[in-house]
Amino acid sequence: MNAPLQANCLATAQRLLQARQENHPIEDWPEALRPTSFEQAYRVQTLQMHALGPIGGWKVGAANTVASPTCAPLPQRFRYASPKTPAGEGLSLRGIEVEIGLILGQDLLPSQTPYSLEHIWDAISQVCVAVEIVESRFARRDTVGRLSTLADLASHGALIHPAQGTAAQDMRLLEPEWARVQVGQQALLQGPTQNPAGELTRLLLWLANQGSHHGGGLQQGQVIITGMCLPMLYAAPGDRIQAAIQGIGELDFICA
């Protein structure tokens, strides 16, 4: 990446970090700060992680069954394992997404030899119910464009999962029949899983063999979240979140 593009990426990363630190969404997002390629968006992610790291996990997803996947590293500092205190302090959007979480028992570092699906699955030690709290550094995140949203760590706020998941013995755990979630006093949402990406295995292959390389690859102890199972709901401060995925488990926590 040439010097002018590198400078632009640094300016974008600094502005996103400022919005995060001040907890003040960006109202005006200048064209000069908007990434114009996936390379730039991922570079902005990496620059932010220099300040927010270490990496505690990854999110990977795709808009539909044929769209190319995208990913973002997730800061360890915003990861909560069965929190005894409310999770997601300082967030304002509080979008609640129930997802399948995969906890790595082995490293999958960048390699010139592509990892097979079997190798990737062998590196996963546990499967769990995970909730991502979606947050944005933009006041109007639907208007800034896909690449800016990706640069903003793909709108990540916090990650919550149980301290102990289910042993990753059967790859059919990636194909649950139903999920459910209740947010505060809202009506229970339950139904068949509706991940827009379709087969999660293609996401894992891409993440291990390509997507995670800008963050040093996948490392033992990190959690991979794989896209929403149900439509996103929104929480208020103090709401109790109760989620479950068939065959995988349950999760219960308070949203800060």
Protein backbone atom coordinates (compact mmCIF):
# COMPACT_ATOMS: atom_id res chain seq x y z
CA MET A 1 0.00 0.00 0.00
CA ASN A 2 1.46 3.36 -1.03
CA ALA A 3 2.13 6.19 1.41
CA PRO A 4 -0.95 8.35 0.60
CA LEU A 5 -3.32 5.37 0.98
CA GLN A 6 -1.59 4.36 4.20
CA ALA A 7 -2.05 7.89 5.54
CA ASN A 8 -5.74 7.82 4.62
CA CYS A 9 -6.21 4.49 6.37
CA LEU A 10 -4.50 5.83 9.49
CA ALA A 11 -6.74 8.93 9.51
CA THR A 12 -9.84 6.73 9.14
CA ALA A 13 -8.74 4.44 11.95
CA GLN A 14 -7.99 7.38 14.25
CA ARG A 15 -11.43 8.90 13.62
CA LEU A 16 -13.18 5.61 14.36
CA LEU A 17 -11.14 5.14 17.53
CA GLN A 18 -12.01 8.68 18.63
CA ALA A 19 -15.73 8.00 18.16
CA ARG A 20 -15.40 4.77 20.15
CA GLN A 21 -13.44 6.36 22.99
CA GLU A 22 -15.72 9.39 23.26
CA ASN A 23 -18.86 7.27 22.81
CA HIS A 24 -20.09 9.86 20.33
CA PRO A 25 -21.31 8.57 16.93
CA ILE A 26 -19.94 10.26 13.83
CA GLU A 27 -22.52 12.52 12.21
CA ASP A 28 -20.53 13.60 9.16
CA TRP A 29 -18.35 11.00 7.44
CA PRO A 30 -16.16 12.73 4.82
CA GLU A 31 -15.47 11.06 1.49
CA ALA A 32 -11.74 11.39 2.19
CA LEU A 33 -12.04 8.99 5.13
CA ARG A 34 -14.15 6.35 3.37
CA PRO A 35 -12.29 3.20 2.29
CA THR A 36 -12.57 2.52 -1.42
CA SER A 37 -11.42 -1.13 -1.40
CA PHE A 38 -11.55 -4.19 0.81
CA GLU A 39 -7.78 -3.92 1.21
CA GLN A 40 -8.18 -0.45 2.72
CA ALA A 41 -11.07 -1.52 4.97
CA TYR A 42 -9.05 -4.41 6.38
CA ARG A 43 -6.02 -2.16 6.84
CA VAL A 44 -8.18 0.22 8.89
CA GLN A 45 -9.29 -2.75 11.03
CA THR A 46 -5.67 -3.72 11.66
CA LEU A 47 -4.67 -0.18 12.62
CA GLN A 48 -7.50 -0.01 15.16
CA MET A 49 -6.51 -3.33 16.67
CA HIS A 50 -3.08 -1.90 17.43
CA ALA A 51 -4.94 0.25 19.98
CA LEU A 52 -7.78 -2.12 20.91
CA GLY A 53 -6.04 -5.50 20.86
CA PRO A 54 -5.33 -8.25 21.57
CA ILE A 55 -7.71 -10.15 19.31
CA GLY A 56 -10.19 -12.26 21.26
CA GLY A 57 -12.19 -13.55 18.32
CA TRP A 58 -13.41 -13.09 14.77
CA LYS A 59 -16.74 -12.49 13.12
CA VAL A 60 -17.34 -13.83 9.65
CA GLY A 61 -20.41 -13.67 7.47
CA ALA A 62 -21.83 -13.13 4.02
CA ALA A 63 -24.84 -11.25 2.70
CA ASN A 64 -26.27 -14.34 0.98
CA THR A 65 -25.35 -17.85 -0.09
CA VAL A 66 -23.22 -16.75 -3.05
CA ALA A 67 -21.74 -13.46 -1.78
CA SER A 68 -18.06 -13.34 -0.86
CA PRO A 69 -17.50 -13.53 2.92
CA THR A 70 -16.14 -10.66 4.97
CA CYS A 71 -14.68 -10.65 8.47
CA ALA A 72 -13.47 -8.52 11.36
CA PRO A 73 -11.21 -9.13 14.37
CA LEU A 74 -12.91 -8.71 17.75
CA PRO A 75 -11.09 -7.12 20.69
CA GLN A 76 -10.60 -9.36 23.69
CA ARG A 77 -11.50 -6.44 25.98
CA PHE A 78 -15.10 -6.52 24.73
CA ARG A 79 -15.52 -10.28 25.15
CA TYR A 80 -17.52 -11.61 28.10
CA ALA A 81 -17.72 -15.27 29.15
CA SER A 82 -20.91 -15.75 31.21
CA PRO A 83 -20.61 -12.29 32.77
CA LYS A 84 -21.53 -11.78 36.40
CA THR A 85 -21.78 -8.07 35.69
CA PRO A 86 -23.83 -6.49 32.86
CA ALA A 87 -22.15 -6.82 29.46
CA GLY A 88 -21.71 -4.14 26.82
CA GLU A 89 -21.12 -1.07 29.00
CA GLY A 90 -21.09 2.23 27.11
CA LEU A 91 -23.01 1.01 24.08
CA SER A 92 -26.02 2.80 22.68
CA LEU A 93 -27.39 0.85 19.68
CA ARG A 94 -27.46 -2.52 21.50
CA GLY A 95 -28.45 -4.70 18.56
CA ILE A 96 -28.76 -8.31 19.73
CA GLU A 97 -27.74 -11.10 17.36
CA VAL A 98 -27.82 -14.78 18.35
CA GLU A 99 -25.01 -16.68 16.64
CA ILE A 100 -23.16 -19.99 16.67
CA GLY A 101 -19.82 -19.50 18.39
CA LEU A 102 -16.77 -21.70 17.78
CA ILE A 103 -13.94 -21.76 20.31
CA LEU A 104 -10.53 -22.66 18.93
CA GLY A 105 -8.45 -25.28 20.72
CA GLN A 106 -5.55 -24.96 18.27
CA ASP A 107 -3.90 -22.28 16.16
CA LEU A 108 -4.69 -21.94 12.45
CA LEU A 109 -1.95 -19.55 11.43
CA PRO A 110 -1.40 -18.28 7.87
CA SER A 111 -0.07 -21.12 5.74
CA GLN A 112 0.90 -21.57 2.12
CA THR A 113 -0.89 -24.92 2.18
CA PRO A 114 -4.67 -24.41 2.39
CA TYR A 115 -6.41 -25.86 5.43
CA SER A 116 -9.03 -28.51 4.70
CA LEU A 117 -12.42 -28.37 6.36
CA GLU A 118 -11.47 -31.43 8.42
CA HIS A 119 -8.30 -29.69 9.66
CA ILE A 120 -10.27 -26.59 10.61
CA TRP A 121 -12.94 -28.59 12.44
CA ASP A 122 -10.26 -30.52 14.35
CA ALA A 123 -8.90 -27.17 15.58
CA ILE A 124 -12.29 -26.21 17.05
CA SER A 125 -12.70 -27.49 20.60
CA GLN A 126 -16.16 -26.18 21.55
CA VAL A 127 -19.39 -24.92 20.01
CA CYS A 128 -21.49 -22.45 21.98
CA VAL A 129 -24.37 -20.02 21.87
CA ALA A 130 -22.96 -16.55 21.34
CA VAL A 131 -24.57 -13.13 21.31
CA GLU A 132 -22.99 -10.24 19.49
CA ILE A 133 -24.09 -6.81 20.63
CA VAL A 134 -24.04 -4.78 17.43
CA GLU A 135 -22.80 -1.20 17.75
CA SER A 136 -21.74 1.46 15.26
CA ARG A 137 -19.42 4.40 15.35
CA PHE A 138 -21.73 6.09 12.82
CA ALA A 139 -24.92 7.97 13.67
CA ARG A 140 -26.48 6.63 10.44
CA ARG A 141 -24.63 3.42 9.70
CA ASP A 142 -26.91 2.45 6.82
CA THR A 143 -25.74 5.45 4.78
CA VAL A 144 -21.94 5.24 4.98
CA GLY A 145 -21.44 2.28 2.67
CA ARG A 146 -20.39 -1.32 3.06
CA LEU A 147 -16.65 -0.67 3.19
CA SER A 148 -16.91 1.95 5.94
CA THR A 149 -19.06 -0.40 7.99
CA LEU A 150 -16.52 -3.18 7.47
CA ALA A 151 -13.70 -0.86 8.52
CA ASP A 152 -15.67 -0.15 11.71
CA LEU A 153 -14.95 -3.74 12.81
CA ALA A 154 -18.17 -4.70 11.01
CA SER A 155 -20.27 -2.83 13.61
CA HIS A 156 -19.00 -4.88 16.54
CA GLY A 157 -19.82 -3.80 20.08
CA ALA A 158 -19.38 -6.79 22.37
CA LEU A 159 -19.32 -10.60 22.37
CA ILE A 160 -20.97 -12.71 25.07
CA HIS A 161 -20.76 -16.49 25.35
CA PRO A 162 -20.84 -19.18 28.06
CA ALA A 163 -17.67 -20.08 29.88
CA GLN A 164 -18.14 -23.67 28.71
CA GLY A 165 -19.61 -24.80 25.41
CA THR A 166 -20.50 -28.14 23.83
CA ALA A 167 -17.67 -30.38 22.64
CA ALA A 168 -17.18 -29.98 18.88
CA GLN A 169 -17.65 -33.65 18.08
CA ASP A 170 -20.15 -33.47 15.23
CA MET A 171 -20.09 -30.98 12.37
CA ARG A 172 -23.89 -31.21 12.25
CA LEU A 173 -23.84 -28.76 15.16
CA LEU A 174 -23.38 -26.12 12.44
CA GLU A 175 -26.88 -26.95 11.16
CA PRO A 176 -29.30 -26.45 14.10
CA GLU A 177 -32.99 -26.58 13.33
CA TRP A 178 -34.03 -23.68 15.55
CA ALA A 179 -32.88 -20.82 17.75
CA ARG A 180 -34.67 -18.56 20.19
CA VAL A 181 -34.06 -15.30 22.00
CA GLN A 182 -35.92 -13.08 24.43
CA VAL A 183 -34.82 -9.51 25.00
CA GLY A 184 -36.22 -7.94 28.17
CA GLN A 185 -40.02 -7.93 28.11
CA GLN A 186 -40.23 -8.24 24.33
CA ALA A 187 -42.04 -11.21 22.84
CA LEU A 188 -40.02 -14.42 22.56
CA LEU A 189 -38.51 -14.82 19.09
CA GLN A 190 -38.13 -18.43 18.05
CA GLY A 191 -37.91 -20.13 14.70
CA PRO A 192 -35.73 -21.99 12.21
CA THR A 193 -32.21 -20.65 11.91
CA GLN A 194 -31.99 -18.03 9.17
CA ASN A 195 -28.29 -17.33 8.57
CA PRO A 196 -28.18 -15.51 5.21
CA ALA A 197 -24.75 -16.97 4.37
CA GLY A 198 -26.15 -20.49 4.08
CA GLU A 199 -23.50 -23.17 4.65
CA LEU A 200 -21.22 -22.06 7.48
CA THR A 201 -18.46 -24.37 6.31
CA ARG A 202 -17.60 -22.08 3.40
CA LEU A 203 -17.22 -19.19 5.85
CA LEU A 204 -14.80 -21.19 7.98
CA LEU A 205 -12.71 -22.23 4.97
CA TRP A 206 -12.43 -18.64 3.80
CA LEU A 207 -11.68 -17.24 7.26
CA ALA A 208 -8.92 -19.74 8.01
CA ASN A 209 -7.32 -19.67 4.56
CA GLN A 210 -7.68 -16.00 3.70
CA GLY A 211 -9.83 -13.67 5.77
CA SER A 212 -7.98 -13.80 9.10
CA HIS A 213 -4.50 -13.38 7.64
CA HIS A 214 -4.47 -9.60 8.09
CA GLY A 215 -4.81 -10.22 11.82
CA GLY A 216 -2.20 -12.95 12.06
CA GLY A 217 -4.55 -15.88 11.53
CA LEU A 218 -6.70 -17.77 14.01
CA GLN A 219 -5.27 -18.53 17.46
CA GLN A 220 -6.06 -20.91 20.27
CA GLY A 221 -8.70 -19.55 22.64
CA GLN A 222 -10.24 -17.17 20.13
CA VAL A 223 -13.96 -17.36 19.38
CA ILE A 224 -15.38 -17.32 15.85
CA ILE A 225 -18.93 -16.03 15.43
CA THR A 226 -20.62 -17.00 12.22
CA GLY A 227 -23.55 -14.68 11.52
CA MET A 228 -27.02 -14.24 12.96
CA CYS A 229 -29.40 -17.18 13.38
CA LEU A 230 -32.45 -14.94 13.85
CA PRO A 231 -33.34 -11.34 12.97
CA MET A 232 -31.64 -8.71 15.13
CA LEU A 233 -33.52 -7.28 18.10
CA TYR A 234 -32.65 -4.20 20.14
CA ALA A 235 -32.08 -4.10 23.88
CA ALA A 236 -32.44 -1.37 26.48
CA PRO A 237 -30.06 -0.91 29.42
CA GLY A 238 -30.73 -3.55 32.06
CA ASP A 239 -32.58 -5.94 29.75
CA ARG A 240 -32.12 -9.64 30.43
CA ILE A 241 -31.07 -11.54 27.31
CA GLN A 242 -31.97 -15.24 27.13
CA ALA A 243 -30.84 -17.15 24.04
CA ALA A 244 -30.69 -20.78 22.97
CA ILE A 245 -29.73 -22.80 19.90
CA GLN A 246 -30.95 -26.36 19.34
CA GLY A 247 -28.33 -28.95 20.21
CA ILE A 248 -25.77 -26.34 21.35
CA GLY A 249 -26.94 -24.74 24.58
CA GLU A 250 -28.24 -21.61 26.26
CA LEU A 251 -26.99 -18.18 27.31
CA ASP A 252 -28.41 -15.78 29.90
CA PHE A 253 -26.98 -12.32 30.72
CA ILE A 254 -27.86 -8.71 31.47
CA CYS A 255 -27.23 -6.00 28.88
CA ALA A 256 -25.57 -2.92 30.34
